[in-house]
Amino acid sequence: MREFIPNMVLYNLFNLASFDSSVHTNGSLTNVDKFNYLKGKVFGQAREAISDLALTNDNCILAVNILKECYRNVQETESSL
């Protein structure tokens, strides 16, 4: 899975759908494991957006939702250019 780089030009390098299908929906991983994996794949502003969240089961879901909400707008802007 590629790293998530929070840059409008580079946004297409990371696909949250890829995270959802390969990690987030993997029933053999705990949410803490998934969140730890996600934290290792995000950088810059994306990392800052979830940096205050402790590694807990509930915060994994919260972190994914934060990133989807923040960067959905970036993707919409990119596709309109």
C-alpha atoms as a PDB file:
ATOM      1  CA  MET A   1       0.000   0.000   0.000  1.00  0.00           C
ATOM      2  CA  ARG A   2       1.364   3.413  -0.877  1.00  0.00           C
ATOM      3  CA  GLU A   3       1.918   6.078   1.740  1.00  0.00           C
ATOM      4  CA  PHE A   4      -0.665   8.795   2.163  1.00  0.00           C
ATOM      5  CA  ILE A   5       0.906  12.141   1.260  1.00  0.00           C
ATOM      6  CA  PRO A   6      -1.396  15.069   2.039  1.00  0.00           C
ATOM      7  CA  ASN A   7      -0.637  17.115  -1.046  1.00  0.00           C
ATOM      8  CA  MET A   8      -3.299  17.933  -3.605  1.00  0.00           C
ATOM      9  CA  VAL A   9      -1.001  17.040  -6.496  1.00  0.00           C
ATOM     10  CA  LEU A  10       0.105  13.770  -4.898  1.00  0.00           C
ATOM     11  CA  TYR A  11      -3.250  12.798  -3.386  1.00  0.00           C
ATOM     12  CA  ASN A  12      -3.841  10.072  -5.952  1.00  0.00           C
ATOM     13  CA  LEU A  13      -0.826   8.161  -4.589  1.00  0.00           C
ATOM     14  CA  PHE A  14      -2.911   7.053  -1.642  1.00  0.00           C
ATOM     15  CA  ASN A  15      -6.340   5.566  -1.912  1.00  0.00           C
ATOM     16  CA  LEU A  16      -8.394   5.169   1.245  1.00  0.00           C
ATOM     17  CA  ALA A  17     -10.355   2.480  -0.550  1.00  0.00           C
ATOM     18  CA  SER A  18      -7.108   0.500  -0.720  1.00  0.00           C
ATOM     19  CA  PHE A  19      -6.674   0.855   3.048  1.00  0.00           C
ATOM     20  CA  ASP A  20     -10.312  -0.167   3.558  1.00  0.00           C
ATOM     21  CA  SER A  21      -9.990  -3.291   1.424  1.00  0.00           C
ATOM     22  CA  SER A  22      -6.531  -4.453   2.470  1.00  0.00           C
ATOM     23  CA  VAL A  23      -6.362  -3.449   6.134  1.00  0.00           C
ATOM     24  CA  HIS A  24      -9.503  -1.864   7.562  1.00  0.00           C
ATOM     25  CA  THR A  25     -11.806  -4.766   6.602  1.00  0.00           C
ATOM     26  CA  ASN A  26      -9.268  -7.430   7.572  1.00  0.00           C
ATOM     27  CA  GLY A  27     -11.018  -9.332  10.356  1.00  0.00           C
ATOM     28  CA  SER A  28      -7.788 -10.937  11.562  1.00  0.00           C
ATOM     29  CA  LEU A  29      -6.404  -7.562  12.703  1.00  0.00           C
ATOM     30  CA  THR A  30      -7.531  -5.660  15.776  1.00  0.00           C
ATOM     31  CA  ASN A  31      -8.520  -2.021  15.341  1.00  0.00           C
ATOM     32  CA  VAL A  32      -5.429  -1.061  17.322  1.00  0.00           C
ATOM     33  CA  ASP A  33      -3.265  -2.955  14.801  1.00  0.00           C
ATOM     34  CA  LYS A  34      -5.081  -1.281  11.904  1.00  0.00           C
ATOM     35  CA  PHE A  35      -4.690   2.155  13.477  1.00  0.00           C
ATOM     36  CA  ASN A  36      -1.007   1.564  14.145  1.00  0.00           C
ATOM     37  CA  TYR A  37      -0.559   0.566  10.491  1.00  0.00           C
ATOM     38  CA  LEU A  38      -2.455   3.647   9.317  1.00  0.00           C
ATOM     39  CA  LYS A  39      -0.378   5.963  11.531  1.00  0.00           C
ATOM     40  CA  GLY A  40       2.758   4.523   9.949  1.00  0.00           C
ATOM     41  CA  LYS A  41       1.497   5.351   6.451  1.00  0.00           C
ATOM     42  CA  VAL A  42       0.486   8.981   6.851  1.00  0.00           C
ATOM     43  CA  PHE A  43       2.738  12.023   6.897  1.00  0.00           C
ATOM     44  CA  GLY A  44       2.601  15.794   7.268  1.00  0.00           C
ATOM     45  CA  GLN A  45      -0.837  17.308   7.749  1.00  0.00           C
ATOM     46  CA  ALA A  46      -2.519  13.908   7.598  1.00  0.00           C
ATOM     47  CA  ARG A  47      -0.400  12.668  10.499  1.00  0.00           C
ATOM     48  CA  GLU A  48      -1.095  15.873  12.408  1.00  0.00           C
ATOM     49  CA  ALA A  49      -4.847  15.419  11.894  1.00  0.00           C
ATOM     50  CA  ILE A  50      -4.781  12.123  13.806  1.00  0.00           C
ATOM     51  CA  SER A  51      -1.679  12.567  15.977  1.00  0.00           C
ATOM     52  CA  ASP A  52      -3.591  13.395  19.168  1.00  0.00           C
ATOM     53  CA  LEU A  53      -5.611  10.185  18.965  1.00  0.00           C
ATOM     54  CA  ALA A  54      -4.452   7.381  21.249  1.00  0.00           C
ATOM     55  CA  LEU A  55      -4.055   3.899  19.776  1.00  0.00           C
ATOM     56  CA  THR A  56      -7.453   2.508  20.747  1.00  0.00           C
ATOM     57  CA  ASN A  57     -10.083   0.461  18.945  1.00  0.00           C
ATOM     58  CA  ASP A  58     -12.533   3.369  18.749  1.00  0.00           C
ATOM     59  CA  ASN A  59      -9.915   5.844  17.580  1.00  0.00           C
ATOM     60  CA  CYS A  60      -9.055   3.678  14.574  1.00  0.00           C
ATOM     61  CA  ILE A  61     -12.528   4.250  13.187  1.00  0.00           C
ATOM     62  CA  LEU A  62     -12.377   7.934  14.135  1.00  0.00           C
ATOM     63  CA  ALA A  63      -8.995   8.391  12.407  1.00  0.00           C
ATOM     64  CA  VAL A  64     -10.212   6.814   9.174  1.00  0.00           C
ATOM     65  CA  ASN A  65     -13.285   9.038   9.215  1.00  0.00           C
ATOM     66  CA  ILE A  66     -11.184  12.156   9.876  1.00  0.00           C
ATOM     67  CA  LEU A  67      -8.888  11.388   6.952  1.00  0.00           C
ATOM     68  CA  LYS A  68     -11.761  10.547   4.623  1.00  0.00           C
ATOM     69  CA  GLU A  69     -13.533  13.785   5.492  1.00  0.00           C
ATOM     70  CA  CYS A  70     -10.419  15.975   5.264  1.00  0.00           C
ATOM     71  CA  TYR A  71      -9.112  14.541   2.045  1.00  0.00           C
ATOM     72  CA  ARG A  72     -12.383  13.872   0.259  1.00  0.00           C
ATOM     73  CA  ASN A  73     -12.508  17.629  -0.304  1.00  0.00           C
ATOM     74  CA  VAL A  74      -8.980  17.511  -1.713  1.00  0.00           C
ATOM     75  CA  GLN A  75      -9.957  14.772  -4.154  1.00  0.00           C
ATOM     76  CA  GLU A  76     -13.034  16.711  -5.254  1.00  0.00           C
ATOM     77  CA  THR A  77     -10.897  19.800  -5.848  1.00  0.00           C
ATOM     78  CA  GLU A  78      -8.346  17.761  -7.824  1.00  0.00           C
ATOM     79  CA  SER A  79     -10.997  16.263 -10.090  1.00  0.00           C
ATOM     80  CA  SER A  80     -12.489  19.673 -10.827  1.00  0.00           C
ATOM     81  CA  LEU A  81      -9.173  21.108 -12.068  1.00  0.00           C
END
